[in-house]
Amino acid sequence: MYFKKLCLTSLLSLGLLHAQSNVGLNINDEDLEVFASIDINAFTYYSDSTSYSIDASYLHTDGDNLTTVGIGAESTFQGVEGLALGFGAKFIFASDFLAFPLFAKAKYTLPLNDMIPTTSLSTSLAYAPSVLTFRDGESYTEFRMEADMEIITNIHLFTGYRNIDTEYDTHDKTFNNSFYGGMKLSF
């Protein structure tokens, strides 16, 4: 119980540290996920088209918990207005499972008129083969899709789908396969 409170407090504190950061929460009938992201560029006064960030999340499910900490880079894709691509790596911690997956993500901001709030679609894929999976794990795969709308300045509502598969030495386990909805605050 103490660990859950510590994770939740830490994630929320991380998001409040500096500009260009965000914190959020998504839920469904059985799962709760808290996440935070910090823009490293703001700390280093680095100004370039590439944005570097540190991300952390805590996913509480009916059967288990999953904690992630990652670092990534994101930049606009030249030639396609509104498209941003990102790449990075993260650490995955669960009971009897540890992985270091590499990830790729894409975000497309829809070219809507000014009367409609900023709306975007995003997807991400993270994968760790056996060489990047430790303890009792054999591989890790995570896939996500989200639709996001900024309803008020710096306040986003979103809905999405996630599928997280963990393959152990002795069995395979679908860690999470669910739709969710949530809110994100940007600073």
Protein backbone atom coordinates (compact mmCIF):
# COMPACT_ATOMS: atom_id res chain seq x y z
CA MET A 1 0.00 0.00 0.00
CA TYR A 2 2.86 2.39 0.84
CA PHE A 3 4.48 1.67 -2.55
CA LYS A 4 1.28 2.61 -4.41
CA LYS A 5 1.01 5.93 -2.55
CA LEU A 6 4.69 6.66 -3.16
CA CYS A 7 4.35 5.96 -6.91
CA LEU A 8 1.24 8.09 -7.25
CA THR A 9 2.77 11.01 -5.32
CA SER A 10 6.03 10.77 -7.24
CA LEU A 11 4.34 10.76 -10.64
CA LEU A 12 2.14 13.72 -9.83
CA SER A 13 5.12 15.65 -8.44
CA LEU A 14 7.18 14.92 -11.54
CA GLY A 15 4.56 16.49 -13.77
CA LEU A 16 4.40 19.69 -11.77
CA LEU A 17 8.14 20.42 -11.97
CA HIS A 18 8.39 22.46 -15.13
CA ALA A 19 6.71 23.81 -18.25
CA GLN A 20 5.92 21.53 -21.19
CA SER A 21 5.19 18.70 -18.80
CA ASN A 22 1.96 16.81 -18.25
CA VAL A 23 0.22 14.49 -15.84
CA GLY A 24 -2.76 12.31 -16.51
CA LEU A 25 -5.06 9.55 -15.43
CA ASN A 26 -6.98 6.95 -17.42
CA ILE A 27 -9.47 4.40 -16.16
CA ASN A 28 -11.93 1.71 -17.14
CA ASP A 29 -14.01 -0.77 -15.12
CA GLU A 30 -10.97 -2.73 -13.90
CA ASP A 31 -7.80 -0.66 -14.50
CA LEU A 32 -6.26 2.60 -13.35
CA GLU A 33 -3.20 4.21 -14.95
CA VAL A 34 -1.40 7.33 -13.71
CA PHE A 35 1.28 8.87 -15.91
CA ALA A 36 3.58 11.89 -16.12
CA SER A 37 5.95 13.33 -18.69
CA ILE A 38 8.68 15.95 -18.31
CA ASP A 39 10.18 17.90 -21.20
CA ILE A 40 13.97 17.72 -20.77
CA ASN A 41 14.49 20.59 -23.25
CA ALA A 42 12.98 23.02 -20.74
CA PHE A 43 15.58 22.06 -18.11
CA THR A 44 18.57 22.32 -20.43
CA TYR A 45 17.37 25.38 -22.38
CA TYR A 46 17.89 23.29 -25.50
CA SER A 47 15.86 24.63 -28.40
CA ASP A 48 15.65 22.49 -31.47
CA SER A 49 12.89 20.83 -33.43
CA THR A 50 13.45 17.61 -31.45
CA SER A 51 11.79 17.38 -28.05
CA TYR A 52 13.34 15.04 -25.45
CA SER A 53 11.24 13.76 -22.55
CA ILE A 54 11.23 11.48 -19.53
CA ASP A 55 8.02 9.54 -19.00
CA ALA A 56 6.74 7.46 -16.09
CA SER A 57 3.54 5.50 -15.52
CA TYR A 58 1.91 3.15 -13.05
CA LEU A 59 -0.79 0.75 -14.28
CA HIS A 60 -2.88 -1.01 -11.63
CA THR A 61 -4.89 -3.92 -13.02
CA ASP A 62 -7.11 -6.53 -11.44
CA GLY A 63 -4.32 -9.11 -11.26
CA ASP A 64 -1.01 -7.21 -11.24
CA ASN A 65 0.75 -3.85 -11.45
CA LEU A 66 3.12 -2.46 -14.06
CA THR A 67 5.51 0.44 -13.60
CA THR A 68 7.38 2.09 -16.50
CA VAL A 69 10.09 4.74 -16.75
CA GLY A 70 11.29 5.83 -20.16
CA ILE A 71 13.19 8.38 -22.19
CA GLY A 72 12.39 9.38 -25.75
CA ALA A 73 12.74 11.94 -28.52
CA GLU A 74 9.97 13.33 -30.72
CA SER A 75 10.06 15.57 -33.79
CA THR A 76 7.75 16.66 -36.55
CA PHE A 77 7.91 14.62 -39.73
CA GLN A 78 9.01 16.80 -42.63
CA GLY A 79 6.61 16.74 -45.54
CA VAL A 80 3.45 15.75 -43.63
CA GLU A 81 1.79 18.65 -41.82
CA GLY A 82 0.68 17.67 -38.30
CA LEU A 83 2.62 14.39 -38.06
CA ALA A 84 5.16 13.82 -35.27
CA LEU A 85 7.29 10.70 -34.79
CA GLY A 86 9.02 9.56 -31.62
CA PHE A 87 11.51 6.87 -30.61
CA GLY A 88 13.00 5.80 -27.30
CA ALA A 89 13.41 3.14 -24.66
CA LYS A 90 11.84 2.38 -21.31
CA PHE A 91 12.18 0.12 -18.29
CA ILE A 92 9.22 -2.12 -17.43
CA PHE A 93 8.79 -3.47 -13.88
CA ALA A 94 6.17 -6.05 -12.87
CA SER A 95 6.16 -8.94 -10.43
CA ASP A 96 8.69 -11.53 -11.66
CA PHE A 97 9.18 -9.53 -14.87
CA LEU A 98 11.66 -6.88 -16.00
CA ALA A 99 12.06 -5.62 -19.58
CA PHE A 100 13.87 -2.90 -21.50
CA PRO A 101 11.74 -2.39 -24.64
CA LEU A 102 12.44 0.01 -27.47
CA PHE A 103 9.42 2.00 -28.67
CA ALA A 104 8.16 4.01 -31.61
CA LYS A 105 5.19 6.35 -31.63
CA ALA A 106 3.33 8.52 -34.11
CA LYS A 107 0.94 11.40 -33.45
CA TYR A 108 -1.17 13.11 -36.10
CA THR A 109 -2.91 16.40 -35.32
CA LEU A 110 -6.00 16.60 -37.50
CA PRO A 111 -6.16 19.63 -39.83
CA LEU A 112 -9.53 20.90 -38.58
CA ASN A 113 -10.80 24.48 -38.70
CA ASP A 114 -10.41 26.87 -35.76
CA MET A 115 -13.97 26.25 -34.55
CA ILE A 116 -13.12 22.65 -33.55
CA PRO A 117 -10.74 22.04 -30.61
CA THR A 118 -7.29 20.60 -31.36
CA THR A 119 -7.77 16.89 -31.98
CA SER A 120 -5.08 14.27 -32.51
CA LEU A 121 -4.72 10.55 -33.12
CA SER A 122 -1.71 8.64 -31.83
CA THR A 123 -0.33 5.14 -31.76
CA SER A 124 2.69 3.52 -30.14
CA LEU A 125 4.44 0.17 -30.19
CA ALA A 126 7.01 -1.09 -27.66
CA TYR A 127 8.85 -4.38 -27.98
CA ALA A 128 11.52 -6.19 -25.97
CA PRO A 129 12.83 -9.51 -27.34
CA SER A 130 14.29 -12.13 -25.01
CA VAL A 131 17.71 -10.43 -24.99
CA LEU A 132 16.07 -7.30 -23.45
CA THR A 133 13.77 -9.20 -21.04
CA PHE A 134 14.97 -10.37 -17.64
CA ARG A 135 14.01 -12.40 -14.57
CA ASP A 136 11.23 -14.84 -15.54
CA GLY A 137 10.34 -12.94 -18.74
CA GLU A 138 10.89 -14.02 -22.33
CA SER A 139 9.47 -11.03 -24.29
CA TYR A 140 7.31 -7.92 -23.91
CA THR A 141 4.96 -6.30 -26.45
CA GLU A 142 2.80 -3.20 -25.94
CA PHE A 143 0.47 -1.57 -28.46
CA ARG A 144 -1.61 1.57 -27.89
CA MET A 145 -3.98 3.78 -29.91
CA GLU A 146 -5.51 7.04 -28.65
CA ALA A 147 -7.78 9.86 -29.76
CA ASP A 148 -7.20 13.12 -27.87
CA MET A 149 -9.06 16.46 -27.80
CA GLU A 150 -7.93 19.63 -26.03
CA ILE A 151 -11.27 20.75 -24.61
CA ILE A 152 -9.88 23.71 -22.63
CA THR A 153 -6.39 25.20 -22.97
CA ASN A 154 -3.94 22.61 -21.54
CA ILE A 155 -6.73 20.18 -20.54
CA HIS A 156 -7.20 17.12 -22.74
CA LEU A 157 -9.81 14.38 -22.73
CA PHE A 158 -8.86 11.16 -24.49
CA THR A 159 -9.94 7.63 -25.15
CA GLY A 160 -7.80 4.72 -26.20
CA TYR A 161 -7.03 1.05 -26.42
CA ARG A 162 -4.00 -0.82 -25.05
CA ASN A 163 -2.77 -4.37 -25.44
CA ILE A 164 0.15 -5.50 -23.28
CA ASP A 165 1.48 -9.03 -23.73
CA THR A 166 4.15 -10.53 -21.49
CA GLU A 167 5.74 -13.82 -22.43
CA TYR A 168 7.30 -15.73 -19.55
CA ASP A 169 9.72 -18.67 -19.64
CA THR A 170 6.89 -21.05 -18.73
CA HIS A 171 3.74 -19.37 -20.11
CA ASP A 172 2.32 -16.41 -22.04
CA LYS A 173 0.18 -13.79 -20.34
CA THR A 174 -1.95 -11.01 -21.77
CA PHE A 175 -1.20 -8.47 -19.07
CA ASN A 176 -3.84 -6.01 -20.24
CA ASN A 177 -6.22 -5.80 -23.20
CA SER A 178 -8.70 -2.98 -22.71
CA PHE A 179 -10.27 0.30 -23.77
CA TYR A 180 -9.96 3.29 -21.45
CA GLY A 181 -10.78 6.97 -21.09
CA GLY A 182 -8.97 9.71 -19.26
CA MET A 183 -7.84 13.28 -18.75
CA LYS A 184 -4.42 14.92 -19.11
CA LEU A 185 -3.21 18.28 -17.79
CA SER A 186 -0.32 20.07 -19.53
CA PHE A 187 1.89 22.68 -17.89
